[in-house]
Amino acid sequence: MDQNATKETTAEASKEHAGSTRPTAVRTALVVLGLCFTLAVLGRGLSESFTVFLKPISENLGWDRAQAVSIYSLTWLVSGLTAPLVGRLFDHSGPRIVYALGLVLLGSAFLIASHAQALWQFQLLIGICLGIGVAFIGNVPNSILLGRWFGPKLPTAMAVVYSAMGGGVLALLPASQLLIDHLGWRETYQVYGLAALGLLVPLLLLPWRMFAAGSPHVAKKTDPDFVDGGWTLVSAMRHHAFWALFSTFFFTAVGMYSIAAQIVAYLIDAGFPPLQAATAWGFSGVVLVFGMLGVSALDGLIGRRPSVLLSYAISILGIVLLWLLQYYPNVILLTGFVVCFGSMMGSRGPLITATAMKIFRGKRVGTIFGTISIGSGLGSAFGSWSGGLIHDATHGYNLLLVFALASVILGMIPFLIVPALRE
């Protein structure tokens, strides 16, 4: 009886301990989510701010549209190509090193670029260095870190972080236009560089050992019988789901970024004042939050495939509304475009991320997902660069919009035909 009583007492104590640690784990998970959101706001907002800098820089330095957009293209190309390195470094060294390197690169790139004169200097600093910095504080490290804290709720957590893209756009695009109007684009670059470096000290003081350890409850909730399937990058690349996800990232990014790089310039050319154009596209950050959370909520209600296909249909409607804006520039069409196109700008990301994490989960998931993410970087770069070339060749936007529409449709096709993405 004494032994049985002792066992019961021990079991009760264990339950009480687990119950007491759960609120702490929840609070820590929310802190980690807030941190990832903040870093995503910074990275995405600073990188997307180039759409506001495009006109003043190109006009000041005498560049055509394709030359200026090549900088933006390089940012996303390098960001995508760096993703596997980020995943591998995260697996090996942890989040503190990865995020700190990202802030150093961002701050240094903007400060030095404020004194640049030649195109190659901007391509090196705002293209390559900024692109690497964005990758180091972007979706790959955030996905891995949040996966350790949210487990089966990762799609919802990633929807919150992906919505940071909208938060960054909403905050920094109008702010960039105001700062450029009052200070000049070079001085604005200096402000952004100092702000990024100023965040480095508080970042380094955070309890990274605890953050990197993850929640003790996630592994039990996710799958108590989970066994690492032994996925390697080579074996993952032999699986059809790898290339399906890669192509979805690639073609969707081509379509969305062939437009995104020139949206502010497009609206100005359509007759909207510069600040109104920047603010309108910046307001997409508000609707993007609802789009991200809405698509992720639909995932649980109607399934992943219908949710993703619906998001593509709304994106296509947004492209049609943008085409009409050049002929009928009015607030109603502009609002419709911002709501449709802006709300879906990256809305599929959390679901695609969660799908990749589920299929290829294991100790090498960071490297595998980082490699899949190359598709997004390549697509963003190719799309924005191609969009600039098409604009210069046609001196208009119609062929560009056709190109974007076709690319978005190609990005949707894997979810129609690939078995692993239909589950």
Protein backbone atom coordinates (compact mmCIF):
# COMPACT_ATOMS: atom_id res chain seq x y z
CA MET A 1 0.00 0.00 0.00
CA ASP A 2 2.81 2.37 0.84
CA GLN A 3 4.45 1.79 -2.55
CA ASN A 4 1.16 2.32 -4.38
CA ALA A 5 0.53 5.49 -2.43
CA THR A 6 4.00 6.74 -3.30
CA LYS A 7 3.43 6.07 -7.02
CA GLU A 8 0.10 7.89 -6.94
CA THR A 9 1.68 10.84 -5.16
CA THR A 10 4.50 10.97 -7.73
CA ALA A 11 2.03 10.80 -10.63
CA GLU A 12 -0.06 13.60 -9.15
CA ALA A 13 3.05 15.71 -8.62
CA SER A 14 4.08 15.16 -12.23
CA LYS A 15 0.65 16.25 -13.45
CA GLU A 16 0.75 19.36 -11.28
CA HIS A 17 4.23 20.20 -12.59
CA ALA A 18 3.09 19.76 -16.18
CA GLY A 19 0.07 21.93 -15.50
CA SER A 20 2.21 24.66 -14.00
CA THR A 21 4.70 24.66 -16.88
CA ARG A 22 2.02 24.85 -19.58
CA PRO A 23 1.09 28.53 -19.03
CA THR A 24 4.80 29.42 -19.07
CA ALA A 25 5.25 27.56 -22.35
CA VAL A 26 2.24 29.33 -23.84
CA ARG A 27 3.59 32.74 -22.83
CA THR A 28 7.00 31.93 -24.24
CA ALA A 29 5.43 30.71 -27.48
CA LEU A 30 3.58 34.02 -27.85
CA VAL A 31 6.81 35.94 -27.19
CA VAL A 32 8.56 33.91 -29.89
CA LEU A 33 5.64 34.57 -32.26
CA GLY A 34 5.87 38.31 -31.54
CA LEU A 35 9.61 38.28 -32.14
CA CYS A 36 9.26 36.47 -35.47
CA PHE A 37 6.50 38.86 -36.48
CA THR A 38 8.63 41.92 -35.66
CA LEU A 39 11.62 40.62 -37.61
CA ALA A 40 9.40 39.74 -40.55
CA VAL A 41 7.88 43.24 -40.51
CA LEU A 42 11.35 44.75 -40.59
CA GLY A 43 12.74 42.50 -43.30
CA ARG A 44 9.76 42.56 -45.58
CA GLY A 45 9.00 46.22 -45.06
CA LEU A 46 12.55 47.36 -45.80
CA SER A 47 12.84 45.17 -48.88
CA GLU A 48 9.45 46.19 -50.28
CA SER A 49 10.20 49.86 -49.63
CA PHE A 50 12.24 49.81 -52.84
CA THR A 51 8.97 50.09 -54.77
CA VAL A 52 8.75 53.64 -53.37
CA PHE A 53 12.43 54.40 -53.94
CA LEU A 54 12.27 53.16 -57.56
CA LYS A 55 11.10 56.39 -59.19
CA PRO A 56 13.24 58.94 -57.24
CA ILE A 57 16.42 56.86 -57.53
CA SER A 58 15.99 56.06 -61.22
CA GLU A 59 15.11 59.65 -62.08
CA ASN A 60 17.97 61.04 -59.96
CA LEU A 61 20.58 58.72 -61.45
CA GLY A 62 19.18 58.47 -64.99
CA TRP A 63 18.27 54.77 -65.09
CA ASP A 64 15.55 53.13 -67.15
CA ARG A 65 12.92 50.93 -65.52
CA ALA A 66 14.66 47.61 -66.19
CA GLN A 67 17.93 48.84 -64.65
CA ALA A 68 16.19 50.06 -61.52
CA VAL A 69 14.06 46.93 -61.15
CA SER A 70 17.18 44.75 -61.52
CA ILE A 71 18.10 45.84 -57.97
CA TYR A 72 14.76 44.64 -56.61
CA SER A 73 15.11 41.43 -58.63
CA LEU A 74 18.52 40.73 -57.15
CA THR A 75 17.14 41.17 -53.64
CA TRP A 76 14.68 38.32 -54.08
CA LEU A 77 16.99 36.16 -56.18
CA VAL A 78 19.70 36.26 -53.53
CA SER A 79 17.16 35.87 -50.74
CA GLY A 80 15.88 32.70 -52.35
CA LEU A 81 19.31 31.27 -53.14
CA THR A 82 20.43 31.97 -49.58
CA ALA A 83 17.48 30.10 -48.05
CA PRO A 84 19.19 26.65 -47.92
CA LEU A 85 22.23 28.22 -46.26
CA VAL A 86 19.96 29.88 -43.71
CA GLY A 87 18.21 26.59 -42.97
CA ARG A 88 21.51 24.75 -42.59
CA LEU A 89 23.01 27.49 -40.38
CA PHE A 90 19.87 27.47 -38.25
CA ASP A 91 20.07 23.69 -37.84
CA HIS A 92 23.75 23.99 -36.88
CA SER A 93 24.11 27.26 -34.93
CA GLY A 94 20.60 28.23 -33.80
CA PRO A 95 18.44 31.35 -34.20
CA ARG A 96 20.58 33.89 -32.35
CA ILE A 97 23.44 33.80 -34.87
CA VAL A 98 21.08 33.74 -37.84
CA TYR A 99 18.96 36.71 -36.78
CA ALA A 100 21.94 38.79 -35.63
CA LEU A 101 23.70 38.35 -38.97
CA GLY A 102 20.51 39.42 -40.71
CA LEU A 103 20.28 42.72 -38.83
CA VAL A 104 23.97 43.48 -39.40
CA LEU A 105 23.59 42.94 -43.14
CA LEU A 106 20.41 45.02 -43.36
CA GLY A 107 21.79 47.98 -41.44
CA SER A 108 25.16 47.99 -43.21
CA ALA A 109 23.57 47.70 -46.65
CA PHE A 110 21.35 50.76 -46.18
CA LEU A 111 24.04 52.93 -44.58
CA ILE A 112 26.59 52.26 -47.32
CA ALA A 113 23.99 52.51 -50.11
CA SER A 114 23.13 56.02 -48.98
CA HIS A 115 26.46 57.08 -50.53
CA ALA A 116 26.30 54.88 -53.65
CA GLN A 117 26.34 56.33 -57.16
CA ALA A 118 26.70 53.52 -59.68
CA LEU A 119 24.16 50.83 -60.57
CA TRP A 120 26.53 48.00 -59.62
CA GLN A 121 26.91 49.50 -56.15
CA PHE A 122 23.15 49.41 -55.59
CA GLN A 123 22.99 45.89 -57.01
CA LEU A 124 25.68 44.79 -54.56
CA LEU A 125 24.24 46.56 -51.50
CA ILE A 126 20.47 46.73 -51.93
CA GLY A 127 20.36 43.70 -54.18
CA ILE A 128 22.79 41.15 -52.75
CA CYS A 129 23.52 42.27 -49.16
CA LEU A 130 19.92 43.27 -48.42
CA GLY A 131 18.67 40.04 -50.00
CA ILE A 132 20.89 37.93 -47.75
CA GLY A 133 19.85 39.96 -44.71
CA VAL A 134 16.15 39.47 -45.49
CA ALA A 135 16.69 35.71 -45.80
CA PHE A 136 18.41 35.61 -42.41
CA ILE A 137 15.41 37.17 -40.62
CA GLY A 138 12.73 35.79 -42.92
CA ASN A 139 10.39 32.87 -43.40
CA VAL A 140 12.88 30.00 -43.28
CA PRO A 141 14.26 30.65 -39.75
CA ASN A 142 10.84 31.80 -38.55
CA SER A 143 9.18 28.61 -39.81
CA ILE A 144 11.70 26.35 -38.09
CA LEU A 145 11.62 28.26 -34.79
CA LEU A 146 7.82 28.48 -34.67
CA GLY A 147 7.53 24.80 -35.53
CA ARG A 148 9.24 24.05 -32.20
CA TRP A 149 6.60 26.02 -30.30
CA PHE A 150 3.34 25.59 -32.19
CA GLY A 151 3.49 22.09 -33.67
CA PRO A 152 0.12 21.29 -35.32
CA LYS A 153 -0.88 24.96 -35.02
CA LEU A 154 2.05 26.03 -37.22
CA PRO A 155 -0.19 27.14 -40.14
CA THR A 156 -1.97 29.64 -37.89
CA ALA A 157 1.31 30.88 -36.40
CA MET A 158 2.83 31.23 -39.86
CA ALA A 159 -0.26 33.09 -41.05
CA VAL A 160 0.39 35.67 -38.34
CA VAL A 161 4.05 35.96 -39.33
CA TYR A 162 3.33 36.03 -43.06
CA SER A 163 0.90 38.84 -42.39
CA ALA A 164 3.96 40.78 -41.25
CA MET A 165 4.61 41.29 -44.94
CA GLY A 166 1.48 43.39 -44.95
CA GLY A 167 2.42 45.07 -41.70
CA GLY A 168 5.81 46.01 -43.09
CA VAL A 169 4.29 47.30 -46.31
CA LEU A 170 1.61 49.25 -44.44
CA ALA A 171 4.11 50.88 -42.07
CA LEU A 172 7.15 51.48 -44.25
CA LEU A 173 5.81 52.37 -47.70
CA PRO A 174 3.94 55.54 -46.68
CA ALA A 175 6.74 56.29 -44.18
CA SER A 176 9.30 55.93 -46.96
CA GLN A 177 7.41 58.34 -49.20
CA LEU A 178 7.08 60.91 -46.39
CA LEU A 179 10.77 60.62 -45.47
CA ILE A 180 11.83 60.90 -49.11
CA ASP A 181 9.65 64.00 -49.56
CA HIS A 182 11.09 65.67 -46.44
CA LEU A 183 14.68 64.34 -46.25
CA GLY A 184 15.59 62.83 -49.59
CA TRP A 185 16.10 59.18 -50.53
CA ARG A 186 19.75 59.04 -49.39
CA GLU A 187 18.95 60.37 -45.93
CA THR A 188 16.03 57.93 -45.69
CA TYR A 189 18.44 55.06 -46.38
CA GLN A 190 20.57 56.30 -43.49
CA VAL A 191 17.56 56.34 -41.15
CA TYR A 192 16.71 52.75 -42.07
CA GLY A 193 20.30 51.59 -41.67
CA LEU A 194 20.64 53.07 -38.18
CA ALA A 195 17.27 51.64 -37.13
CA ALA A 196 18.26 48.10 -38.19
CA LEU A 197 21.60 48.25 -36.39
CA GLY A 198 19.96 49.78 -33.32
CA LEU A 199 17.85 46.66 -32.89
CA LEU A 200 20.91 44.41 -32.75
CA VAL A 201 21.72 44.97 -29.05
CA PRO A 202 18.26 44.15 -27.64
CA LEU A 203 18.09 41.15 -29.96
CA LEU A 204 21.33 39.70 -28.60
CA LEU A 205 20.10 40.07 -25.00
CA LEU A 206 17.08 37.81 -25.50
CA PRO A 207 17.01 34.31 -23.87
CA TRP A 208 17.87 32.43 -27.04
CA ARG A 209 18.71 29.15 -25.32
CA MET A 210 15.12 28.92 -24.08
CA PHE A 211 13.66 30.09 -27.41
CA ALA A 212 15.67 27.53 -29.40
CA ALA A 213 14.72 24.64 -27.09
CA GLY A 214 11.07 24.77 -28.08
CA SER A 215 7.99 23.77 -26.10
CA PRO A 216 8.14 20.47 -24.19
CA HIS A 217 4.48 19.91 -25.07
CA VAL A 218 4.75 20.29 -28.86
CA ALA A 219 6.37 16.95 -29.60
CA LYS A 220 3.70 15.11 -27.59
CA LYS A 221 0.86 17.01 -29.24
CA THR A 222 2.20 16.77 -32.74
CA ASP A 223 2.76 13.01 -32.92
CA PRO A 224 3.74 10.90 -29.90
CA ASP A 225 4.78 8.05 -32.19
CA PHE A 226 6.83 10.24 -34.53
CA VAL A 227 10.02 8.74 -35.88
CA ASP A 228 12.38 10.79 -38.03
CA GLY A 229 11.96 9.38 -41.53
CA GLY A 230 15.58 10.10 -42.33
CA TRP A 231 14.87 12.65 -45.04
CA THR A 232 17.96 14.14 -46.64
CA LEU A 233 18.08 16.88 -49.24
CA VAL A 234 18.92 14.32 -51.93
CA SER A 235 16.08 11.97 -51.01
CA ALA A 236 13.64 14.89 -50.75
CA MET A 237 14.60 16.08 -54.23
CA ARG A 238 13.65 12.66 -55.59
CA HIS A 239 10.10 13.06 -54.27
CA HIS A 240 7.49 14.63 -56.58
CA ALA A 241 6.15 16.80 -53.74
CA PHE A 242 9.48 18.63 -53.51
CA TRP A 243 9.29 19.86 -57.10
CA ALA A 244 5.57 20.50 -56.90
CA LEU A 245 6.10 22.85 -53.96
CA PHE A 246 9.14 24.38 -55.67
CA SER A 247 7.18 25.12 -58.85
CA THR A 248 4.25 26.55 -56.89
CA PHE A 249 6.60 28.92 -55.08
CA PHE A 250 8.34 29.83 -58.36
CA PHE A 251 5.42 30.55 -60.69
CA THR A 252 3.29 32.25 -58.05
CA ALA A 253 6.20 34.56 -57.18
CA VAL A 254 6.79 35.30 -60.88
CA GLY A 255 3.20 36.42 -61.30
CA MET A 256 2.86 38.41 -58.10
CA TYR A 257 6.25 40.13 -58.17
CA SER A 258 6.19 41.06 -61.85
CA ILE A 259 3.41 43.40 -60.69
CA ALA A 260 4.46 44.19 -57.12
CA ALA A 261 7.78 45.79 -58.10
CA GLN A 262 5.98 48.42 -60.19
CA ILE A 263 2.64 48.90 -58.47
CA VAL A 264 3.43 52.33 -57.01
CA ALA A 265 4.89 53.50 -60.32
CA TYR A 266 1.89 52.00 -62.16
CA LEU A 267 -0.57 53.90 -59.98
CA ILE A 268 1.35 57.14 -60.41
CA ASP A 269 1.37 56.65 -64.19
CA ALA A 270 -2.39 55.99 -64.01
CA GLY A 271 -2.88 59.45 -62.49
CA PHE A 272 -2.76 58.97 -58.72
CA PRO A 273 -0.55 61.33 -56.63
CA PRO A 274 2.68 59.67 -55.36
CA LEU A 275 1.72 59.71 -51.67
CA GLN A 276 -1.75 58.36 -52.43
CA ALA A 277 -0.23 55.61 -54.58
CA ALA A 278 2.25 54.61 -51.87
CA THR A 279 -0.41 54.76 -49.16
CA ALA A 280 -2.88 52.72 -51.20
CA TRP A 281 -0.39 49.92 -51.76
CA GLY A 282 0.77 50.28 -48.18
CA PHE A 283 -2.83 49.75 -47.05
CA SER A 284 -2.62 46.29 -48.58
CA GLY A 285 -0.89 45.45 -45.32
CA VAL A 286 -4.20 45.74 -43.50
CA VAL A 287 -6.14 43.49 -45.85
CA LEU A 288 -3.24 41.06 -46.03
CA VAL A 289 -3.64 40.26 -42.33
CA PHE A 290 -7.26 39.27 -42.95
CA GLY A 291 -6.29 37.38 -46.09
CA MET A 292 -3.60 35.38 -44.30
CA LEU A 293 -5.75 34.50 -41.32
CA GLY A 294 -8.81 33.90 -43.49
CA VAL A 295 -7.11 31.42 -45.82
CA SER A 296 -5.54 29.62 -42.85
CA ALA A 297 -8.95 29.44 -41.12
CA LEU A 298 -10.52 28.03 -44.28
CA ASP A 299 -7.82 25.38 -44.27
CA GLY A 300 -9.41 23.91 -41.16
CA LEU A 301 -12.98 24.30 -42.46
CA ILE A 302 -12.94 23.25 -46.11
CA GLY A 303 -9.48 21.72 -46.53
CA ARG A 304 -6.12 22.87 -47.80
CA ARG A 305 -6.62 22.41 -51.53
CA PRO A 306 -9.94 24.34 -51.81
CA SER A 307 -8.51 27.12 -49.62
CA VAL A 308 -5.43 27.50 -51.81
CA LEU A 309 -7.45 27.42 -55.06
CA LEU A 310 -9.81 30.10 -53.73
CA SER A 311 -6.85 32.33 -52.90
CA TYR A 312 -5.60 31.99 -56.47
CA ALA A 313 -9.02 32.94 -57.87
CA ILE A 314 -9.03 36.13 -55.77
CA SER A 315 -5.50 36.98 -56.95
CA ILE A 316 -6.62 36.61 -60.57
CA LEU A 317 -9.55 38.96 -59.93
CA GLY A 318 -7.10 41.47 -58.45
CA ILE A 319 -4.99 41.42 -61.63
CA VAL A 320 -8.10 42.09 -63.73
CA LEU A 321 -9.01 45.07 -61.54
CA LEU A 322 -5.47 46.44 -61.86
CA TRP A 323 -5.75 46.22 -65.65
CA LEU A 324 -8.99 48.24 -65.54
CA LEU A 325 -7.38 50.93 -63.35
CA GLN A 326 -5.23 52.29 -66.17
CA TYR A 327 -8.42 53.09 -68.13
CA TYR A 328 -10.72 54.00 -65.22
CA PRO A 329 -8.56 55.39 -62.39
CA ASN A 330 -10.98 55.72 -59.50
CA VAL A 331 -11.08 54.92 -55.80
CA ILE A 332 -13.59 52.07 -56.16
CA LEU A 333 -11.42 50.05 -58.54
CA LEU A 334 -8.32 50.93 -56.55
CA THR A 335 -9.95 49.65 -53.36
CA GLY A 336 -11.06 46.48 -55.10
CA PHE A 337 -7.56 45.85 -56.42
CA VAL A 338 -5.92 46.44 -53.03
CA VAL A 339 -8.41 44.14 -51.29
CA CYS A 340 -8.19 41.31 -53.83
CA PHE A 341 -4.54 41.38 -54.85
CA GLY A 342 -3.16 42.71 -51.59
CA SER A 343 -5.03 40.30 -49.34
CA MET A 344 -3.69 37.30 -51.27
CA MET A 345 -0.09 38.54 -51.58
CA GLY A 346 1.59 35.59 -49.90
CA SER A 347 -1.60 34.22 -48.34
CA ARG A 348 -0.73 30.74 -49.60
CA GLY A 349 2.66 30.82 -47.90
CA PRO A 350 1.63 29.47 -44.47
CA LEU A 351 -0.22 26.52 -46.00
CA ILE A 352 2.60 25.66 -48.39
CA THR A 353 5.09 25.97 -45.55
CA ALA A 354 3.04 23.69 -43.30
CA THR A 355 2.69 21.18 -46.14
CA ALA A 356 6.45 21.07 -46.66
CA MET A 357 7.10 20.76 -42.92
CA LYS A 358 4.63 17.87 -42.68
CA ILE A 359 5.96 15.90 -45.66
CA PHE A 360 9.68 16.35 -44.96
CA ARG A 361 9.73 16.68 -41.18
CA GLY A 362 12.86 15.55 -39.42
CA LYS A 363 16.17 16.97 -38.30
CA ARG A 364 17.04 18.20 -41.83
CA VAL A 365 13.76 19.97 -42.48
CA GLY A 366 15.46 23.38 -42.32
CA THR A 367 17.80 22.54 -45.19
CA ILE A 368 15.04 20.93 -47.24
CA PHE A 369 12.51 23.72 -46.78
CA GLY A 370 15.22 26.30 -47.40
CA THR A 371 15.99 24.65 -50.74
CA ILE A 372 12.30 24.56 -51.69
CA SER A 373 12.17 28.27 -50.87
CA ILE A 374 14.71 28.92 -53.62
CA GLY A 375 11.72 28.69 -55.93
CA SER A 376 10.17 31.78 -54.34
CA GLY A 377 13.40 33.75 -54.60
CA LEU A 378 14.01 32.77 -58.22
CA GLY A 379 10.41 33.53 -59.11
CA SER A 380 10.43 36.91 -57.37
CA ALA A 381 13.65 37.89 -59.13
CA PHE A 382 12.66 36.61 -62.56
CA GLY A 383 9.18 38.09 -62.30
CA SER A 384 10.23 41.58 -61.23
CA TRP A 385 13.10 41.71 -63.75
CA SER A 386 10.90 40.43 -66.57
CA GLY A 387 8.25 42.94 -65.63
CA GLY A 388 10.77 45.78 -65.98
CA LEU A 389 11.91 44.51 -69.39
CA ILE A 390 8.34 44.11 -70.62
CA HIS A 391 7.48 47.65 -69.52
CA ASP A 392 10.52 49.12 -71.26
CA ALA A 393 9.86 47.13 -74.44
CA THR A 394 6.15 47.94 -74.70
CA HIS A 395 6.07 51.31 -72.86
CA GLY A 396 2.93 50.08 -71.14
CA TYR A 397 1.53 47.50 -68.78
CA ASN A 398 -0.92 45.32 -70.74
CA LEU A 399 1.55 42.62 -71.81
CA LEU A 400 3.02 42.69 -68.30
CA LEU A 401 -0.39 41.94 -66.79
CA VAL A 402 -0.96 39.07 -69.23
CA PHE A 403 2.42 37.66 -68.23
CA ALA A 404 1.52 37.95 -64.55
CA LEU A 405 -1.86 36.30 -65.05
CA ALA A 406 -0.39 33.33 -66.92
CA SER A 407 2.27 32.84 -64.24
CA VAL A 408 -0.25 32.85 -61.38
CA ILE A 409 -2.30 30.21 -63.19
CA LEU A 410 0.83 28.06 -63.61
CA GLY A 411 1.49 28.41 -59.88
CA MET A 412 -1.99 27.07 -59.15
CA ILE A 413 -1.69 23.96 -61.35
CA PRO A 414 0.30 21.74 -58.90
CA PHE A 415 -2.60 21.91 -56.45
CA LEU A 416 -4.87 20.61 -59.22
CA ILE A 417 -2.78 17.69 -60.44
CA VAL A 418 -0.17 16.62 -57.83
CA PRO A 419 -1.48 13.91 -55.45
CA ALA A 420 0.63 14.94 -52.43
CA LEU A 421 -0.82 18.49 -52.57
CA ARG A 422 -4.42 17.33 -52.90
CA GLU A 423 -4.53 15.64 -49.47
